[in-house]
C-alpha cells in the first residue's frame, strides 16, 4: 500500500475517534463522520476504501518518528 497524503481534516476526525475509543466513549456520530469522510476521500482519490481506512489508522495510531534534520 503506497503512502497516502491525507488531508488534515480527515486526520483530525480519525484522531477524535481514536481518542474516544481509548477513553471507552466512541459515539455513533463520530464513527459515522469518520466512515463518511473516509468513503468520500477514497472515492475522490480513486483509491480502495479499505486502503484509505487502514492507512489513516496507521498514520494516527502508529505515527512514524520524524527524521532528524542533519
Protein backbone atom coordinates (compact mmCIF):
# COMPACT_ATOMS: atom_id res chain seq x y z
CA UNK A 1 0.00 0.00 0.00
CA UNK A 2 1.51 3.31 -1.07
CA UNK A 3 1.73 6.30 1.24
CA UNK A 4 -1.41 8.39 1.02
CA UNK A 5 -1.42 12.16 1.50
CA UNK A 6 -4.34 12.54 3.90
CA UNK A 7 -5.94 15.95 4.37
CA UNK A 8 -5.63 17.47 7.84
CA UNK A 9 -9.38 17.40 8.48
CA UNK A 10 -9.52 13.64 7.85
CA UNK A 11 -6.60 13.05 10.21
CA UNK A 12 -8.30 15.23 12.84
CA UNK A 13 -11.52 13.20 12.55
CA UNK A 14 -9.65 9.92 12.98
CA UNK A 15 -7.72 11.35 15.95
CA UNK A 16 -11.01 12.29 17.59
CA UNK A 17 -12.36 8.79 17.05
CA UNK A 18 -9.16 7.19 18.33
CA UNK A 19 -9.28 9.34 21.47
CA UNK A 20 -12.91 8.34 22.05
CA UNK A 21 -12.02 4.67 21.54
CA UNK A 22 -9.17 4.86 24.03
CA UNK A 23 -11.43 6.55 26.58
CA UNK A 24 -14.21 4.00 26.01
CA UNK A 25 -16.69 6.58 24.74
CA UNK A 26 -16.80 6.29 20.94
CA UNK A 27 -20.11 7.66 19.73
CA UNK A 28 -22.09 6.65 16.68
CA UNK A 29 -21.95 10.20 15.25
CA UNK A 30 -18.14 10.22 15.49
CA UNK A 31 -17.85 6.78 13.90
CA UNK A 32 -20.24 7.75 11.11
CA UNK A 33 -18.39 11.01 10.47
CA UNK A 34 -15.09 9.15 10.07
CA UNK A 35 -16.64 6.46 7.89
CA UNK A 36 -18.31 9.03 5.64
CA UNK A 37 -15.15 11.11 5.33
CA UNK A 38 -13.03 8.04 4.54
CA UNK A 39 -15.52 6.90 1.91
CA UNK A 40 -15.65 10.36 0.31
CA UNK A 41 -11.85 10.66 0.27
CA UNK A 42 -11.46 7.18 -1.21
CA UNK A 43 -14.00 7.95 -3.92
CA UNK A 44 -12.37 11.29 -4.80
CA UNK A 45 -8.89 9.77 -4.79
CA UNK A 46 -9.97 6.66 -6.70
CA UNK A 47 -8.39 4.50 -4.00
CA UNK A 48 -9.85 1.41 -2.35
CA UNK A 49 -11.75 2.49 0.76
CA UNK A 50 -10.09 -0.22 2.83
CA UNK A 51 -6.61 1.04 1.85
CA UNK A 52 -7.63 4.56 2.87
CA UNK A 53 -9.07 3.41 6.18
CA UNK A 54 -6.12 1.22 7.10
CA UNK A 55 -3.61 3.87 6.02
CA UNK A 56 -5.38 6.53 8.04
CA UNK A 57 -5.46 4.33 11.13
CA UNK A 58 -1.74 3.63 10.71
CA UNK A 59 -0.93 7.36 10.44
CA UNK A 60 -2.96 8.23 13.55
CA UNK A 61 -2.32 5.21 15.75
CA UNK A 62 1.27 4.39 14.80
CA UNK A 63 2.93 7.65 13.69
CA UNK A 64 6.41 7.38 12.31
CA UNK A 65 9.02 9.47 14.12
CA UNK A 66 10.22 12.39 12.05
CA UNK A 67 13.71 12.02 10.66
CA UNK A 68 16.28 14.15 12.45
CA UNK A 69 17.50 17.06 10.36
CA UNK A 70 21.21 16.66 9.78
